[in-house]
Amino acid sequence: MLIRYKKSFKKIAMGLLSYMPREKELRTLRETIEGYEADASRQLFLWRVDEDVVGVIGVAVNEAKAEILHIAVNPSFRDEGIGKEMIAAVTKLFSDRTVVSSESTNRFFKKCMEESR
């Protein structure tokens, strides 16, 4: 289930974002989270399975598109289709826009789109 980020999820979100190759350093993680908190066009969502928050997906939204900037799943929950479910949920949420990947999420995004065919 997709849930909107709020500050009480900050540590969980930072932990999940740290699984992305470009988000390893604490300073970078803080800047990323602050960017989502400060910029209304950037939205961060968490993915909950039962009581566990196991994934994160960040999106930059404008009138025409929703660009997936970040996507990560806890390694213990990988290969269960959670990434595809998060992309599908964001696509449904922003159904009035084209959902695209960023440079850093492109490979994973393409893989999910190929598997869903």
N, C-alpha and C. Protein backbone atom coordinates (compact mmCIF):
# COMPACT_ATOMS: atom_id res chain seq x y z
N MET A 1 0.84 -1.18 0.00
CA MET A 1 0.00 0.00 0.00
C MET A 1 0.89 1.25 0.00
N LEU A 2 0.58 2.16 -0.89
CA LEU A 2 1.32 3.41 -1.02
C LEU A 2 0.84 4.40 0.04
N ILE A 3 1.79 4.95 0.80
CA ILE A 3 1.45 5.95 1.81
C ILE A 3 2.34 7.18 1.60
N ARG A 4 1.76 8.34 1.79
CA ARG A 4 2.49 9.59 1.61
C ARG A 4 3.50 9.77 2.76
N TYR A 5 4.68 10.24 2.40
CA TYR A 5 5.74 10.53 3.37
C TYR A 5 5.30 11.64 4.32
N LYS A 6 5.65 11.47 5.57
CA LYS A 6 5.56 12.56 6.54
C LYS A 6 6.82 12.51 7.40
N LYS A 7 7.10 13.59 8.09
CA LYS A 7 8.38 13.70 8.81
C LYS A 7 8.61 12.60 9.84
N SER A 8 7.56 12.02 10.37
CA SER A 8 7.73 10.94 11.34
C SER A 8 8.34 9.68 10.69
N PHE A 9 8.33 9.62 9.34
CA PHE A 9 8.93 8.50 8.61
C PHE A 9 10.35 8.80 8.12
N LYS A 10 10.91 9.90 8.56
CA LYS A 10 12.19 10.38 8.01
C LYS A 10 13.30 9.33 8.08
N LYS A 11 13.50 8.71 9.23
CA LYS A 11 14.58 7.72 9.37
C LYS A 11 14.34 6.50 8.50
N ILE A 12 13.11 6.05 8.44
CA ILE A 12 12.77 4.89 7.60
C ILE A 12 13.02 5.23 6.13
N ALA A 13 12.57 6.40 5.71
CA ALA A 13 12.75 6.83 4.32
C ALA A 13 14.24 6.95 3.98
N MET A 14 15.02 7.53 4.88
CA MET A 14 16.46 7.66 4.63
C MET A 14 17.12 6.29 4.55
N GLY A 15 16.71 5.37 5.40
CA GLY A 15 17.26 4.01 5.36
C GLY A 15 16.97 3.33 4.04
N LEU A 16 15.75 3.46 3.56
CA LEU A 16 15.39 2.85 2.28
C LEU A 16 16.08 3.54 1.11
N LEU A 17 16.14 4.86 1.14
CA LEU A 17 16.83 5.59 0.07
C LEU A 17 18.31 5.24 0.00
N SER A 18 18.89 4.86 1.13
CA SER A 18 20.32 4.53 1.15
C SER A 18 20.65 3.30 0.31
N TYR A 19 19.64 2.53 -0.09
CA TYR A 19 19.88 1.38 -0.97
C TYR A 19 20.13 1.81 -2.42
N MET A 20 19.86 3.07 -2.73
CA MET A 20 20.14 3.57 -4.08
C MET A 20 21.63 3.92 -4.15
N PRO A 21 22.29 3.55 -5.25
CA PRO A 21 23.74 3.77 -5.35
C PRO A 21 24.20 5.20 -5.10
N ARG A 22 23.44 6.19 -5.53
CA ARG A 22 23.87 7.59 -5.39
C ARG A 22 23.47 8.20 -4.05
N GLU A 23 22.86 7.42 -3.19
CA GLU A 23 22.35 7.95 -1.92
C GLU A 23 23.02 7.31 -0.71
N LYS A 24 24.27 6.94 -0.84
CA LYS A 24 24.96 6.23 0.23
C LYS A 24 25.38 7.12 1.40
N GLU A 25 25.79 8.34 1.11
CA GLU A 25 26.33 9.21 2.16
C GLU A 25 25.21 9.91 2.93
N LEU A 26 25.41 10.06 4.23
CA LEU A 26 24.41 10.68 5.09
C LEU A 26 24.06 12.10 4.64
N ARG A 27 25.07 12.86 4.25
CA ARG A 27 24.84 14.24 3.80
C ARG A 27 23.93 14.25 2.56
N THR A 28 24.18 13.35 1.63
CA THR A 28 23.37 13.25 0.41
C THR A 28 21.94 12.86 0.75
N LEU A 29 21.79 11.90 1.65
CA LEU A 29 20.45 11.48 2.08
C LEU A 29 19.67 12.63 2.71
N ARG A 30 20.34 13.37 3.57
CA ARG A 30 19.67 14.52 4.21
C ARG A 30 19.23 15.55 3.17
N GLU A 31 20.09 15.83 2.21
CA GLU A 31 19.75 16.78 1.15
C GLU A 31 18.57 16.28 0.33
N THR A 32 18.54 14.98 0.05
CA THR A 32 17.44 14.40 -0.71
C THR A 32 16.13 14.53 0.04
N ILE A 33 16.13 14.15 1.31
CA ILE A 33 14.91 14.25 2.13
C ILE A 33 14.46 15.70 2.25
N GLU A 34 15.41 16.61 2.50
CA GLU A 34 15.07 18.03 2.61
C GLU A 34 14.46 18.54 1.30
N GLY A 35 14.95 18.04 0.18
CA GLY A 35 14.39 18.43 -1.12
C GLY A 35 12.93 18.01 -1.24
N TYR A 36 12.61 16.81 -0.78
CA TYR A 36 11.22 16.35 -0.83
C TYR A 36 10.35 17.14 0.16
N GLU A 37 10.92 17.49 1.30
CA GLU A 37 10.14 18.23 2.29
C GLU A 37 9.90 19.69 1.88
N ALA A 38 10.85 20.28 1.15
CA ALA A 38 10.77 21.71 0.83
C ALA A 38 10.09 22.02 -0.51
N ASP A 39 10.12 21.10 -1.43
CA ASP A 39 9.63 21.36 -2.79
C ASP A 39 8.29 20.64 -3.01
N ALA A 40 7.23 21.40 -3.16
CA ALA A 40 5.89 20.81 -3.32
C ALA A 40 5.75 20.00 -4.60
N SER A 41 6.61 20.23 -5.59
CA SER A 41 6.52 19.46 -6.83
C SER A 41 7.19 18.10 -6.71
N ARG A 42 7.89 17.87 -5.62
CA ARG A 42 8.52 16.57 -5.36
C ARG A 42 7.75 15.86 -4.26
N GLN A 43 7.34 14.64 -4.53
CA GLN A 43 6.55 13.89 -3.57
C GLN A 43 7.21 12.54 -3.29
N LEU A 44 7.24 12.19 -2.02
CA LEU A 44 7.85 10.94 -1.59
C LEU A 44 6.77 10.05 -0.98
N PHE A 45 6.81 8.78 -1.35
CA PHE A 45 5.84 7.82 -0.85
C PHE A 45 6.58 6.60 -0.32
N LEU A 46 5.99 5.97 0.67
CA LEU A 46 6.51 4.73 1.23
C LEU A 46 5.56 3.61 0.85
N TRP A 47 6.08 2.39 0.84
CA TRP A 47 5.27 1.22 0.52
C TRP A 47 5.21 0.33 1.75
N ARG A 48 3.99 0.07 2.18
CA ARG A 48 3.78 -0.74 3.39
C ARG A 48 3.23 -2.11 2.99
N VAL A 49 3.82 -3.15 3.56
CA VAL A 49 3.31 -4.51 3.45
C VAL A 49 3.01 -4.96 4.88
N ASP A 50 1.74 -5.23 5.15
CA ASP A 50 1.29 -5.50 6.52
C ASP A 50 1.68 -4.32 7.40
N GLU A 51 2.54 -4.55 8.39
CA GLU A 51 2.96 -3.46 9.28
C GLU A 51 4.36 -2.93 8.94
N ASP A 52 5.00 -3.53 7.94
CA ASP A 52 6.37 -3.15 7.60
C ASP A 52 6.41 -2.16 6.44
N VAL A 53 7.23 -1.12 6.58
CA VAL A 53 7.51 -0.21 5.48
C VAL A 53 8.73 -0.78 4.76
N VAL A 54 8.53 -1.20 3.51
CA VAL A 54 9.57 -1.95 2.81
C VAL A 54 10.08 -1.29 1.54
N GLY A 55 9.47 -0.18 1.13
CA GLY A 55 9.90 0.47 -0.09
C GLY A 55 9.68 1.96 -0.05
N VAL A 56 10.35 2.65 -0.97
CA VAL A 56 10.21 4.10 -1.09
C VAL A 56 10.25 4.45 -2.57
N ILE A 57 9.43 5.44 -2.94
CA ILE A 57 9.43 5.92 -4.31
C ILE A 57 9.23 7.44 -4.27
N GLY A 58 10.10 8.15 -4.97
CA GLY A 58 10.04 9.61 -5.01
C GLY A 58 9.76 10.09 -6.42
N VAL A 59 8.89 11.08 -6.53
CA VAL A 59 8.39 11.54 -7.82
C VAL A 59 8.45 13.06 -7.91
N ALA A 60 8.90 13.57 -9.07
CA ALA A 60 8.81 14.99 -9.38
C ALA A 60 7.63 15.16 -10.31
N VAL A 61 6.70 16.02 -9.93
CA VAL A 61 5.43 16.14 -10.66
C VAL A 61 5.28 17.54 -11.25
N ASN A 62 4.85 17.59 -12.51
CA ASN A 62 4.42 18.84 -13.12
C ASN A 62 3.12 18.58 -13.87
N GLU A 63 2.66 19.53 -14.66
CA GLU A 63 1.36 19.39 -15.32
C GLU A 63 1.32 18.22 -16.29
N ALA A 64 2.45 17.90 -16.91
CA ALA A 64 2.47 16.90 -17.98
C ALA A 64 2.98 15.53 -17.56
N LYS A 65 3.90 15.50 -16.58
CA LYS A 65 4.50 14.21 -16.26
C LYS A 65 4.79 14.05 -14.77
N ALA A 66 5.00 12.81 -14.41
CA ALA A 66 5.47 12.43 -13.08
C ALA A 66 6.74 11.61 -13.30
N GLU A 67 7.86 12.18 -12.88
CA GLU A 67 9.16 11.54 -13.11
C GLU A 67 9.61 10.83 -11.84
N ILE A 68 9.86 9.54 -11.95
CA ILE A 68 10.31 8.76 -10.79
C ILE A 68 11.80 9.05 -10.59
N LEU A 69 12.09 9.74 -9.48
CA LEU A 69 13.47 10.13 -9.18
C LEU A 69 14.19 9.09 -8.34
N HIS A 70 13.47 8.45 -7.44
CA HIS A 70 14.04 7.47 -6.53
C HIS A 70 13.08 6.29 -6.41
N ILE A 71 13.65 5.10 -6.31
CA ILE A 71 12.86 3.91 -6.00
C ILE A 71 13.79 2.88 -5.37
N ALA A 72 13.38 2.36 -4.23
CA ALA A 72 14.20 1.37 -3.53
C ALA A 72 13.31 0.46 -2.71
N VAL A 73 13.75 -0.79 -2.60
CA VAL A 73 13.04 -1.80 -1.82
C VAL A 73 14.03 -2.44 -0.85
N ASN A 74 13.60 -2.66 0.36
CA ASN A 74 14.41 -3.35 1.36
C ASN A 74 14.86 -4.69 0.76
N PRO A 75 16.17 -5.00 0.84
CA PRO A 75 16.67 -6.25 0.24
C PRO A 75 15.94 -7.51 0.71
N SER A 76 15.42 -7.52 1.91
CA SER A 76 14.70 -8.69 2.41
C SER A 76 13.38 -8.92 1.68
N PHE A 77 12.91 -7.90 0.95
CA PHE A 77 11.62 -8.00 0.27
C PHE A 77 11.77 -7.90 -1.26
N ARG A 78 12.98 -8.02 -1.73
CA ARG A 78 13.19 -7.92 -3.18
C ARG A 78 12.72 -9.19 -3.89
N ASP A 79 12.52 -9.07 -5.18
CA ASP A 79 12.06 -10.17 -6.03
C ASP A 79 10.66 -10.65 -5.67
N GLU A 80 9.87 -9.76 -5.07
CA GLU A 80 8.48 -10.06 -4.75
C GLU A 80 7.52 -9.18 -5.55
N GLY A 81 8.07 -8.38 -6.47
CA GLY A 81 7.23 -7.53 -7.30
C GLY A 81 6.84 -6.21 -6.66
N ILE A 82 7.48 -5.85 -5.56
CA ILE A 82 7.12 -4.62 -4.85
C ILE A 82 7.46 -3.39 -5.68
N GLY A 83 8.59 -3.38 -6.36
CA GLY A 83 8.95 -2.26 -7.22
C GLY A 83 7.91 -2.04 -8.31
N LYS A 84 7.48 -3.12 -8.94
CA LYS A 84 6.44 -3.02 -9.97
C LYS A 84 5.14 -2.50 -9.37
N GLU A 85 4.80 -2.95 -8.17
CA GLU A 85 3.57 -2.50 -7.51
C GLU A 85 3.65 -1.00 -7.19
N MET A 86 4.82 -0.54 -6.74
CA MET A 86 4.98 0.88 -6.45
C MET A 86 4.83 1.72 -7.72
N ILE A 87 5.46 1.28 -8.80
CA ILE A 87 5.34 2.01 -10.07
C ILE A 87 3.89 2.02 -10.54
N ALA A 88 3.21 0.88 -10.42
CA ALA A 88 1.80 0.81 -10.82
C ALA A 88 0.94 1.75 -9.98
N ALA A 89 1.21 1.80 -8.67
CA ALA A 89 0.43 2.67 -7.78
C ALA A 89 0.67 4.15 -8.12
N VAL A 90 1.91 4.52 -8.41
CA VAL A 90 2.22 5.90 -8.78
C VAL A 90 1.57 6.23 -10.13
N THR A 91 1.61 5.29 -11.05
CA THR A 91 0.98 5.48 -12.36
C THR A 91 -0.52 5.71 -12.21
N LYS A 92 -1.14 4.96 -11.32
CA LYS A 92 -2.57 5.12 -11.07
C LYS A 92 -2.84 6.46 -10.38
N LEU A 93 -2.02 6.81 -9.40
CA LEU A 93 -2.19 8.06 -8.66
C LEU A 93 -2.08 9.27 -9.60
N PHE A 94 -1.15 9.20 -10.53
CA PHE A 94 -0.92 10.30 -11.47
C PHE A 94 -1.41 9.90 -12.87
N SER A 95 -2.59 9.35 -12.94
CA SER A 95 -3.13 8.83 -14.21
C SER A 95 -3.36 9.92 -15.25
N ASP A 96 -3.41 11.16 -14.81
CA ASP A 96 -3.58 12.27 -15.74
C ASP A 96 -2.26 12.78 -16.31
N ARG A 97 -1.16 12.12 -15.94
CA ARG A 97 0.17 12.51 -16.41
C ARG A 97 0.90 11.29 -16.97
N THR A 98 1.94 11.56 -17.72
CA THR A 98 2.80 10.48 -18.21
C THR A 98 3.83 10.19 -17.12
N VAL A 99 3.96 8.93 -16.74
CA VAL A 99 4.95 8.53 -15.74
C VAL A 99 6.21 8.09 -16.48
N VAL A 100 7.33 8.71 -16.11
CA VAL A 100 8.61 8.44 -16.75
C VAL A 100 9.66 8.19 -15.67
N SER A 101 10.79 7.64 -16.10
CA SER A 101 11.90 7.41 -15.17
C SER A 101 12.93 8.52 -15.31
N SER A 102 13.74 8.64 -14.28
CA SER A 102 14.88 9.55 -14.33
C SER A 102 16.10 8.73 -14.76
N GLU A 103 17.21 9.39 -14.93
CA GLU A 103 18.43 8.67 -15.29
C GLU A 103 18.78 7.61 -14.26
N SER A 104 18.62 7.93 -12.98
CA SER A 104 19.01 6.98 -11.93
C SER A 104 18.01 5.85 -11.73
N THR A 105 16.79 5.98 -12.23
CA THR A 105 15.80 4.91 -12.06
C THR A 105 15.46 4.22 -13.38
N ASN A 106 16.08 4.66 -14.46
CA ASN A 106 15.72 4.17 -15.79
C ASN A 106 15.85 2.66 -15.94
N ARG A 107 16.97 2.10 -15.53
CA ARG A 107 17.20 0.66 -15.71
C ARG A 107 16.15 -0.16 -14.99
N PHE A 108 15.89 0.17 -13.73
CA PHE A 108 14.90 -0.56 -12.95
C PHE A 108 13.50 -0.36 -13.52
N PHE A 109 13.18 0.86 -13.91
CA PHE A 109 11.88 1.18 -14.49
C PHE A 109 11.63 0.34 -15.74
N LYS A 110 12.62 0.30 -16.64
CA LYS A 110 12.48 -0.49 -17.86
C LYS A 110 12.27 -1.97 -17.54
N LYS A 111 13.02 -2.46 -16.58
CA LYS A 111 12.89 -3.88 -16.19
C LYS A 111 11.46 -4.16 -15.71
N CYS A 112 10.93 -3.28 -14.90
CA CYS A 112 9.56 -3.46 -14.38
C CYS A 112 8.53 -3.40 -15.51
N MET A 113 8.74 -2.50 -16.46
CA MET A 113 7.79 -2.36 -17.56
C MET A 113 7.83 -3.59 -18.46
N GLU A 114 9.01 -4.16 -18.68
CA GLU A 114 9.15 -5.37 -19.51
C GLU A 114 8.49 -6.57 -18.82
N GLU A 115 8.66 -6.68 -17.52
CA GLU A 115 8.09 -7.81 -16.78
C GLU A 115 6.58 -7.74 -16.69
N SER A 116 6.02 -6.53 -16.77
CA SER A 116 4.58 -6.39 -16.64
C SER A 116 3.84 -6.64 -17.96
N ARG A 117 4.57 -6.83 -19.03
CA ARG A 117 3.95 -7.10 -20.33
C ARG A 117 3.53 -8.54 -20.47
